[in-house]
C-alpha atoms as a PDB file:
ATOM      1  CA  MET A   1     144.145  54.423 -30.493  1.00  0.00           C
ATOM      2  CA  ALA A   2     142.325  51.160 -31.042  1.00  0.00           C
ATOM      3  CA  THR A   3     144.182  48.238 -32.556  1.00  0.00           C
ATOM      4  CA  VAL A   4     142.157  46.335 -35.126  1.00  0.00           C
ATOM      5  CA  GLY A   5     140.656  43.238 -33.543  1.00  0.00           C
ATOM      6  CA  GLU A   6     142.307  43.813 -30.161  1.00  0.00           C
ATOM      7  CA  PRO A   7     140.658  45.048 -26.951  1.00  0.00           C
ATOM      8  CA  THR A   8     141.500  48.536 -25.771  1.00  0.00           C
ATOM      9  CA  GLU A   9     140.957  50.150 -22.388  1.00  0.00           C
ATOM     10  CA  ASP A  10     141.877  53.828 -22.148  1.00  0.00           C
ATOM     11  CA  ALA A  11     142.040  56.231 -19.235  1.00  0.00           C
ATOM     12  CA  ASN A  12     138.284  56.792 -19.146  1.00  0.00           C
ATOM     13  CA  ARG A  13     137.469  53.052 -19.051  1.00  0.00           C
ATOM     14  CA  LEU A  14     136.462  52.716 -22.691  1.00  0.00           C
ATOM     15  CA  TYR A  15     136.406  49.178 -24.079  1.00  0.00           C
ATOM     16  CA  PHE A  16     136.494  49.241 -27.876  1.00  0.00           C
ATOM     17  CA  ARG A  17     136.965  46.582 -30.544  1.00  0.00           C
ATOM     18  CA  GLN A  18     136.795  46.740 -34.315  1.00  0.00           C
ATOM     19  CA  LEU A  19     136.076  43.268 -35.737  1.00  0.00           C
ATOM     20  CA  LEU A  20     136.127  42.355 -39.421  1.00  0.00           C
ATOM     21  CA  ALA A  21     133.658  39.783 -40.750  1.00  0.00           C
ATOM     22  CA  GLY A  22     135.391  36.957 -42.565  1.00  0.00           C
ATOM     23  CA  ARG A  23     138.657  37.547 -40.746  1.00  0.00           C
ATOM     24  CA  ASP A  24     138.061  38.051 -37.016  1.00  0.00           C
ATOM     25  CA  PHE A  25     134.832  36.035 -36.975  1.00  0.00           C
ATOM     26  CA  ALA A  26     132.665  34.116 -39.487  1.00  0.00           C
ATOM     27  CA  VAL A  27     135.898  33.025 -41.165  1.00  0.00           C
ATOM     28  CA  ALA A  28     134.220  30.151 -43.024  1.00  0.00           C
ATOM     29  CA  ASP A  29     131.350  32.306 -44.347  1.00  0.00           C
ATOM     30  CA  PRO A  30     131.970  33.293 -48.010  1.00  0.00           C
ATOM     31  CA  VAL A  31     129.355  36.076 -47.842  1.00  0.00           C
ATOM     32  CA  ALA A  32     131.044  37.577 -44.788  1.00  0.00           C
ATOM     33  CA  ARG A  33     134.405  37.455 -46.536  1.00  0.00           C
ATOM     34  CA  GLN A  34     132.949  39.152 -49.600  1.00  0.00           C
ATOM     35  CA  MET A  35     131.003  41.881 -47.779  1.00  0.00           C
ATOM     36  CA  VAL A  36     133.875  42.811 -45.387  1.00  0.00           C
ATOM     37  CA  ASN A  37     131.595  44.307 -42.758  1.00  0.00           C
ATOM     38  CA  PHE A  38     132.965  45.789 -39.578  1.00  0.00           C
ATOM     39  CA  VAL A  39     131.276  45.049 -36.255  1.00  0.00           C
ATOM     40  CA  TYR A  40     132.115  47.144 -33.208  1.00  0.00           C
ATOM     41  CA  ALA A  41     132.057  46.339 -29.512  1.00  0.00           C
ATOM     42  CA  ILE A  42     131.860  49.303 -27.144  1.00  0.00           C
ATOM     43  CA  GLY A  43     131.711  49.156 -23.383  1.00  0.00           C
ATOM     44  CA  ASP A  44     132.851  50.157 -19.944  1.00  0.00           C
ATOM     45  CA  ALA A  45     135.800  48.043 -18.883  1.00  0.00           C
ATOM     46  CA  ALA A  46     135.181  48.955 -15.238  1.00  0.00           C
ATOM     47  CA  THR A  47     131.584  47.678 -15.101  1.00  0.00           C
ATOM     48  CA  GLY A  48     131.922  44.958 -17.749  1.00  0.00           C
ATOM     49  CA  GLU A  49     128.914  46.231 -19.735  1.00  0.00           C
ATOM     50  CA  ALA A  50     129.128  46.337 -23.536  1.00  0.00           C
ATOM     51  CA  VAL A  51     127.063  46.806 -26.683  1.00  0.00           C
ATOM     52  CA  ILE A  52     127.607  45.456 -30.183  1.00  0.00           C
ATOM     53  CA  VAL A  53     127.194  47.729 -33.203  1.00  0.00           C
ATOM     54  CA  ASP A  54     125.722  46.014 -36.288  1.00  0.00           C
ATOM     55  CA  PRO A  55     125.999  42.339 -35.283  1.00  0.00           C
ATOM     56  CA  ALA A  56     125.759  40.118 -38.351  1.00  0.00           C
ATOM     57  CA  TYR A  57     126.955  36.726 -39.623  1.00  0.00           C
ATOM     58  CA  ALA A  58     128.323  34.539 -36.776  1.00  0.00           C
ATOM     59  CA  VAL A  59     126.448  36.093 -33.874  1.00  0.00           C
ATOM     60  CA  ASP A  60     127.491  33.495 -31.288  1.00  0.00           C
ATOM     61  CA  GLU A  61     131.123  34.188 -32.107  1.00  0.00           C
ATOM     62  CA  LEU A  62     130.601  37.912 -31.557  1.00  0.00           C
ATOM     63  CA  VAL A  63     128.973  37.393 -28.181  1.00  0.00           C
ATOM     64  CA  ASP A  64     131.734  34.957 -27.262  1.00  0.00           C
ATOM     65  CA  VAL A  65     134.302  37.695 -27.980  1.00  0.00           C
ATOM     66  CA  LEU A  66     132.687  39.785 -25.261  1.00  0.00           C
ATOM     67  CA  VAL A  67     132.553  36.866 -22.851  1.00  0.00           C
ATOM     68  CA  ALA A  68     136.232  36.068 -23.437  1.00  0.00           C
ATOM     69  CA  ASP A  69     137.061  39.702 -22.653  1.00  0.00           C
ATOM     70  CA  GLY A  70     135.081  39.571 -19.416  1.00  0.00           C
ATOM     71  CA  MET A  71     132.305  41.766 -20.805  1.00  0.00           C
ATOM     72  CA  ARG A  72     128.514  41.361 -20.634  1.00  0.00           C
ATOM     73  CA  LEU A  73     126.189  42.231 -23.519  1.00  0.00           C
ATOM     74  CA  VAL A  74     123.611  44.873 -22.556  1.00  0.00           C
ATOM     75  CA  GLY A  75     122.440  46.094 -25.946  1.00  0.00           C
ATOM     76  CA  VAL A  76     122.712  46.268 -29.719  1.00  0.00           C
ATOM     77  CA  LEU A  77     123.237  49.445 -31.736  1.00  0.00           C
ATOM     78  CA  ALA A  78     122.078  49.462 -35.361  1.00  0.00           C
ATOM     79  CA  THR A  79     123.434  51.955 -37.875  1.00  0.00           C
ATOM     80  CA  HIS A  80     120.775  50.972 -40.429  1.00  0.00           C
ATOM     81  CA  TYR A  81     118.489  48.164 -41.553  1.00  0.00           C
ATOM     82  CA  HIS A  82     120.478  46.418 -44.282  1.00  0.00           C
ATOM     83  CA  PRO A  83     120.913  42.650 -43.744  1.00  0.00           C
ATOM     84  CA  ASP A  84     124.710  42.723 -43.865  1.00  0.00           C
ATOM     85  CA  HIS A  85     124.559  44.924 -40.753  1.00  0.00           C
ATOM     86  CA  ILE A  86     121.694  43.503 -38.687  1.00  0.00           C
ATOM     87  CA  GLY A  87     120.752  40.240 -40.384  1.00  0.00           C
ATOM     88  CA  GLY A  88     118.002  39.083 -42.686  1.00  0.00           C
ATOM     89  CA  ASP A  89     117.826  38.047 -46.323  1.00  0.00           C
ATOM     90  CA  LEU A  90     120.573  39.310 -48.629  1.00  0.00           C
ATOM     91  CA  MET A  91     119.846  38.273 -52.222  1.00  0.00           C
ATOM     92  CA  GLY A  92     118.762  34.823 -51.114  1.00  0.00           C
ATOM     93  CA  HIS A  93     121.427  34.400 -48.446  1.00  0.00           C
ATOM     94  CA  ARG A  94     120.190  34.217 -44.863  1.00  0.00           C
ATOM     95  CA  ILE A  95     122.430  36.282 -42.589  1.00  0.00           C
ATOM     96  CA  GLU A  96     122.335  35.999 -38.811  1.00  0.00           C
ATOM     97  CA  GLY A  97     121.787  39.226 -36.914  1.00  0.00           C
ATOM     98  CA  VAL A  98     119.719  40.862 -34.222  1.00  0.00           C
ATOM     99  CA  GLU A  99     117.132  38.060 -34.165  1.00  0.00           C
ATOM    100  CA  GLU A 100     119.805  35.574 -33.162  1.00  0.00           C
ATOM    101  CA  VAL A 101     121.241  37.988 -30.587  1.00  0.00           C
ATOM    102  CA  LEU A 102     117.841  38.307 -28.933  1.00  0.00           C
ATOM    103  CA  ARG A 103     117.432  34.543 -28.763  1.00  0.00           C
ATOM    104  CA  ARG A 104     120.585  34.406 -26.650  1.00  0.00           C
ATOM    105  CA  HIS A 105     120.232  37.681 -24.715  1.00  0.00           C
ATOM    106  CA  VAL A 106     117.124  39.812 -24.229  1.00  0.00           C
ATOM    107  CA  VAL A 107     118.604  43.277 -24.740  1.00  0.00           C
ATOM    108  CA  PRO A 108     117.350  46.491 -26.351  1.00  0.00           C
ATOM    109  CA  VAL A 109     118.107  47.112 -30.013  1.00  0.00           C
ATOM    110  CA  HIS A 110     118.857  50.823 -30.379  1.00  0.00           C
ATOM    111  CA  VAL A 111     117.644  52.288 -33.686  1.00  0.00           C
ATOM    112  CA  GLN A 112     116.930  55.723 -35.062  1.00  0.00           C
ATOM    113  CA  ALA A 113     113.211  56.532 -35.127  1.00  0.00           C
ATOM    114  CA  ALA A 114     112.915  56.715 -38.916  1.00  0.00           C
ATOM    115  CA  GLU A 115     114.610  53.319 -39.258  1.00  0.00           C
ATOM    116  CA  ALA A 116     112.369  51.375 -36.862  1.00  0.00           C
ATOM    117  CA  PRO A 117     109.781  50.172 -39.429  1.00  0.00           C
ATOM    118  CA  TRP A 118     112.538  49.195 -41.849  1.00  0.00           C
ATOM    119  CA  VAL A 119     114.276  47.160 -39.144  1.00  0.00           C
ATOM    120  CA  THR A 120     111.131  45.258 -38.210  1.00  0.00           C
ATOM    121  CA  ARG A 121     110.411  44.447 -41.866  1.00  0.00           C
ATOM    122  CA  ALA A 122     113.974  43.333 -42.584  1.00  0.00           C
ATOM    123  CA  THR A 123     114.443  41.159 -39.507  1.00  0.00           C
ATOM    124  CA  ASP A 124     111.040  40.173 -38.073  1.00  0.00           C
ATOM    125  CA  VAL A 125     112.209  41.607 -34.731  1.00  0.00           C
ATOM    126  CA  ASP A 126     109.208  42.914 -32.811  1.00  0.00           C
ATOM    127  CA  ALA A 127     108.826  46.675 -32.413  1.00  0.00           C
ATOM    128  CA  ALA A 128     108.749  46.128 -28.650  1.00  0.00           C
ATOM    129  CA  ASP A 129     112.385  44.971 -28.838  1.00  0.00           C
ATOM    130  CA  LEU A 130     113.498  48.310 -30.288  1.00  0.00           C
ATOM    131  CA  ALA A 131     114.741  51.298 -28.301  1.00  0.00           C
ATOM    132  CA  VAL A 132     113.908  54.209 -30.602  1.00  0.00           C
ATOM    133  CA  HIS A 133     116.110  57.317 -30.631  1.00  0.00           C
ATOM    134  CA  GLU A 134     116.219  60.819 -32.042  1.00  0.00           C
ATOM    135  CA  SER A 135     119.388  62.532 -33.180  1.00  0.00           C
ATOM    136  CA  GLY A 136     121.379  63.804 -30.220  1.00  0.00           C
ATOM    137  CA  ASP A 137     120.192  61.111 -27.832  1.00  0.00           C
ATOM    138  CA  SER A 138     122.828  59.483 -25.654  1.00  0.00           C
ATOM    139  CA  ILE A 139     123.041  55.784 -24.821  1.00  0.00           C
ATOM    140  CA  ALA A 140     124.752  54.977 -21.525  1.00  0.00           C
ATOM    141  CA  VAL A 141     126.839  51.819 -21.313  1.00  0.00           C
ATOM    142  CA  GLY A 142     128.085  51.771 -17.755  1.00  0.00           C
ATOM    143  CA  GLY A 143     129.925  55.072 -17.464  1.00  0.00           C
ATOM    144  CA  ILE A 144     130.434  55.404 -21.231  1.00  0.00           C
ATOM    145  CA  SER A 145     128.174  57.758 -23.188  1.00  0.00           C
ATOM    146  CA  ILE A 146     127.463  57.118 -26.875  1.00  0.00           C
ATOM    147  CA  GLU A 147     125.828  59.899 -28.899  1.00  0.00           C
ATOM    148  CA  CYS A 148     123.393  59.031 -31.702  1.00  0.00           C
ATOM    149  CA  ILE A 149     123.648  61.202 -34.827  1.00  0.00           C
ATOM    150  CA  HIS A 150     120.890  60.835 -37.418  1.00  0.00           C
ATOM    151  CA  THR A 151     122.522  60.798 -40.865  1.00  0.00           C
ATOM    152  CA  PRO A 152     119.863  59.914 -43.460  1.00  0.00           C
ATOM    153  CA  GLY A 153     120.710  59.374 -47.104  1.00  0.00           C
ATOM    154  CA  HIS A 154     121.837  55.765 -47.362  1.00  0.00           C
ATOM    155  CA  THR A 155     118.595  54.843 -45.584  1.00  0.00           C
ATOM    156  CA  PRO A 156     115.938  57.036 -43.923  1.00  0.00           C
ATOM    157  CA  GLY A 157     117.147  56.308 -40.404  1.00  0.00           C
ATOM    158  CA  SER A 158     120.859  55.741 -40.854  1.00  0.00           C
ATOM    159  CA  GLN A 159     122.761  56.879 -37.790  1.00  0.00           C
ATOM    160  CA  CYS A 160     126.356  57.284 -36.687  1.00  0.00           C
ATOM    161  CA  PHE A 161     127.623  56.843 -33.142  1.00  0.00           C
ATOM    162  CA  LEU A 162     130.090  59.204 -31.487  1.00  0.00           C
ATOM    163  CA  VAL A 163     132.048  57.940 -28.498  1.00  0.00           C
ATOM    164  CA  ASP A 164     135.266  59.290 -27.017  1.00  0.00           C
ATOM    165  CA  GLY A 165     136.715  60.754 -30.204  1.00  0.00           C
ATOM    166  CA  ARG A 166     135.539  57.891 -32.413  1.00  0.00           C
ATOM    167  CA  LEU A 167     132.816  58.120 -35.067  1.00  0.00           C
ATOM    168  CA  ILE A 168     131.261  54.750 -35.920  1.00  0.00           C
ATOM    169  CA  ALA A 169     129.938  55.768 -39.310  1.00  0.00           C
ATOM    170  CA  GLY A 170     128.117  52.696 -40.631  1.00  0.00           C
ATOM    171  CA  ASP A 171     127.454  53.140 -44.349  1.00  0.00           C
ATOM    172  CA  THR A 172     127.031  56.899 -44.108  1.00  0.00           C
ATOM    173  CA  LEU A 173     130.727  57.585 -44.628  1.00  0.00           C
ATOM    174  CA  PHE A 174     133.598  55.399 -45.747  1.00  0.00           C
ATOM    175  CA  LEU A 175     137.216  56.469 -45.834  1.00  0.00           C
ATOM    176  CA  GLU A 176     136.726  56.709 -49.596  1.00  0.00           C
ATOM    177  CA  GLY A 177     133.184  57.309 -50.798  1.00  0.00           C
ATOM    178  CA  CYS A 178     129.875  57.021 -48.984  1.00  0.00           C
ATOM    179  CA  GLY A 179     126.905  54.693 -48.869  1.00  0.00           C
ATOM    180  CA  ARG A 180     124.739  54.190 -51.944  1.00  0.00           C
ATOM    181  CA  THR A 181     121.640  56.358 -52.296  1.00  0.00           C
ATOM    182  CA  ASP A 182     119.889  54.315 -55.006  1.00  0.00           C
ATOM    183  CA  LEU A 183     118.640  51.516 -52.723  1.00  0.00           C
ATOM    184  CA  PRO A 184     115.172  51.501 -51.073  1.00  0.00           C
ATOM    185  CA  GLY A 185     114.957  54.465 -48.704  1.00  0.00           C
ATOM    186  CA  GLY A 186     118.037  56.170 -50.131  1.00  0.00           C
ATOM    187  CA  ASP A 187     118.054  59.905 -50.825  1.00  0.00           C
ATOM    188  CA  PRO A 188     121.011  61.739 -52.428  1.00  0.00           C
ATOM    189  CA  GLU A 189     119.926  65.166 -51.174  1.00  0.00           C
ATOM    190  CA  LEU A 190     119.766  63.914 -47.589  1.00  0.00           C
ATOM    191  CA  MET A 191     123.148  62.225 -47.973  1.00  0.00           C
ATOM    192  CA  PHE A 192     124.674  65.562 -48.962  1.00  0.00           C
ATOM    193  CA  GLU A 193     123.109  67.193 -45.910  1.00  0.00           C
ATOM    194  CA  SER A 194     124.326  64.419 -43.616  1.00  0.00           C
ATOM    195  CA  LEU A 195     127.926  64.639 -44.811  1.00  0.00           C
ATOM    196  CA  HIS A 196     128.226  68.392 -45.228  1.00  0.00           C
ATOM    197  CA  VAL A 197     125.892  69.698 -42.525  1.00  0.00           C
ATOM    198  CA  ARG A 198     125.051  67.117 -39.869  1.00  0.00           C
ATOM    199  CA  LEU A 199     128.618  65.848 -39.530  1.00  0.00           C
ATOM    200  CA  ALA A 200     130.216  69.273 -40.035  1.00  0.00           C
ATOM    201  CA  ARG A 201     130.489  69.870 -36.284  1.00  0.00           C
ATOM    202  CA  ILE A 202     132.571  66.749 -35.719  1.00  0.00           C
ATOM    203  CA  PRO A 203     136.246  67.739 -35.198  1.00  0.00           C
ATOM    204  CA  ASP A 204     138.929  66.752 -37.679  1.00  0.00           C
ATOM    205  CA  GLY A 205     140.793  64.806 -34.991  1.00  0.00           C
ATOM    206  CA  THR A 206     137.905  62.368 -34.578  1.00  0.00           C
ATOM    207  CA  GLU A 207     138.747  58.878 -35.797  1.00  0.00           C
ATOM    208  CA  VAL A 208     136.335  57.506 -38.424  1.00  0.00           C
ATOM    209  CA  TYR A 209     135.415  53.822 -38.138  1.00  0.00           C
ATOM    210  CA  PRO A 210     133.402  52.806 -41.230  1.00  0.00           C
ATOM    211  CA  GLY A 211     130.924  49.999 -41.772  1.00  0.00           C
ATOM    212  CA  HIS A 212     133.083  48.177 -44.359  1.00  0.00           C
ATOM    213  CA  LEU A 213     136.756  47.668 -45.131  1.00  0.00           C
ATOM    214  CA  TYR A 214     136.846  49.322 -48.556  1.00  0.00           C
ATOM    215  CA  THR A 215     140.343  50.814 -48.178  1.00  0.00           C
ATOM    216  CA  PRO A 216     143.661  49.404 -46.987  1.00  0.00           C
ATOM    217  CA  GLU A 217     143.331  51.325 -43.729  1.00  0.00           C
ATOM    218  CA  PRO A 218     140.567  50.236 -41.325  1.00  0.00           C
ATOM    219  CA  HIS A 219     140.120  53.724 -39.862  1.00  0.00           C
ATOM    220  CA  ALA A 220     141.442  57.273 -40.291  1.00  0.00           C
ATOM    221  CA  THR A 221     140.924  60.729 -38.855  1.00  0.00           C
ATOM    222  CA  LEU A 222     137.976  62.714 -40.108  1.00  0.00           C
ATOM    223  CA  GLY A 223     140.369  65.471 -41.132  1.00  0.00           C
ATOM    224  CA  ALA A 224     142.301  63.111 -43.389  1.00  0.00           C
ATOM    225  CA  THR A 225     139.032  61.709 -44.748  1.00  0.00           C
ATOM    226  CA  ARG A 226     137.777  65.187 -45.537  1.00  0.00           C
ATOM    227  CA  ARG A 227     140.991  65.948 -47.427  1.00  0.00           C
ATOM    228  CA  THR A 228     141.117  62.758 -49.491  1.00  0.00           C
ATOM    229  CA  ASN A 229     137.541  61.495 -49.885  1.00  0.00           C
ATOM    230  CA  TYR A 230     135.991  62.709 -53.134  1.00  0.00           C
ATOM    231  CA  VAL A 231     132.560  63.163 -51.522  1.00  0.00           C
ATOM    232  CA  PHE A 232     133.871  66.262 -49.754  1.00  0.00           C
ATOM    233  CA  ARG A 233     135.045  67.831 -53.019  1.00  0.00           C
ATOM    234  CA  LEU A 234     131.423  68.226 -54.101  1.00  0.00           C
ATOM    235  CA  ARG A 235     130.733  71.300 -52.000  1.00  0.00           C
ATOM    236  CA  THR A 236     127.287  72.379 -53.181  1.00  0.00           C
ATOM    237  CA  PRO A 237     123.983  70.524 -53.512  1.00  0.00           C
ATOM    238  CA  GLU A 238     124.069  71.230 -57.244  1.00  0.00           C
ATOM    239  CA  GLU A 239     127.493  69.636 -57.695  1.00  0.00           C
ATOM    240  CA  TRP A 240     126.398  66.702 -55.542  1.00  0.00           C
ATOM    241  CA  LEU A 241     123.180  66.018 -57.422  1.00  0.00           C
ATOM    242  CA  ALA A 242     124.974  66.275 -60.755  1.00  0.00           C
ATOM    243  CA  ALA A 243     127.131  63.355 -59.587  1.00  0.00           C
ATOM    244  CA  PHE A 244     124.713  61.345 -57.437  1.00  0.00           C
ATOM    245  CA  GLY A 245     121.199  62.474 -58.319  1.00  0.00           C
ATOM    246  CA  SER A 246     118.916  60.184 -60.278  1.00  0.00           C
END
């Protein structure tokens, strides 16, 4: 089990860190403290290769975390295009993100196909910098395999990442609630499908790592989340749209 903010190396060489904006990095940034985003580092401790999921705010500090752990950045994984996850303008606040990563390291930015145009508009990153994926694709980081799962609803190309019993859920699923569907590109019907159909195959024992710290606990099993999160009590599309439909 990963310890929040501490490096972990398990029997299959997985390197995994959960880092909280405003606490573990970007401590002086009031926006980071308010938004409480999680950033994840995933890698192969044997080869020293690692990727960062949703780098935002103090990008140099995030890369320096990898360097201090003896890891080398080989890519960025984006759950979705919103500035608090990959940088850009957030209500007049400029947030560092993938653009700043690429200035320091030329690495691929892995996005879901439907999200690619949204990412380029939000960040000014060139399309040539993006590695575009379909649901079910795997990203290899050394000997570690990360599965991409397309989970639209919060945005058209939102995606989760499944690695060694851990689901990095972005803003698709929180421990309580789910991502908003009333922002540009949001779709309540697709969110229902993502939560109740696309993620249905994921075992209860999988640990959910959300995109924000909205609960006292930073992560929990999917089984516990399914039992306590109100979004799973709305079991039909009709019930869902009555609550979330516009």
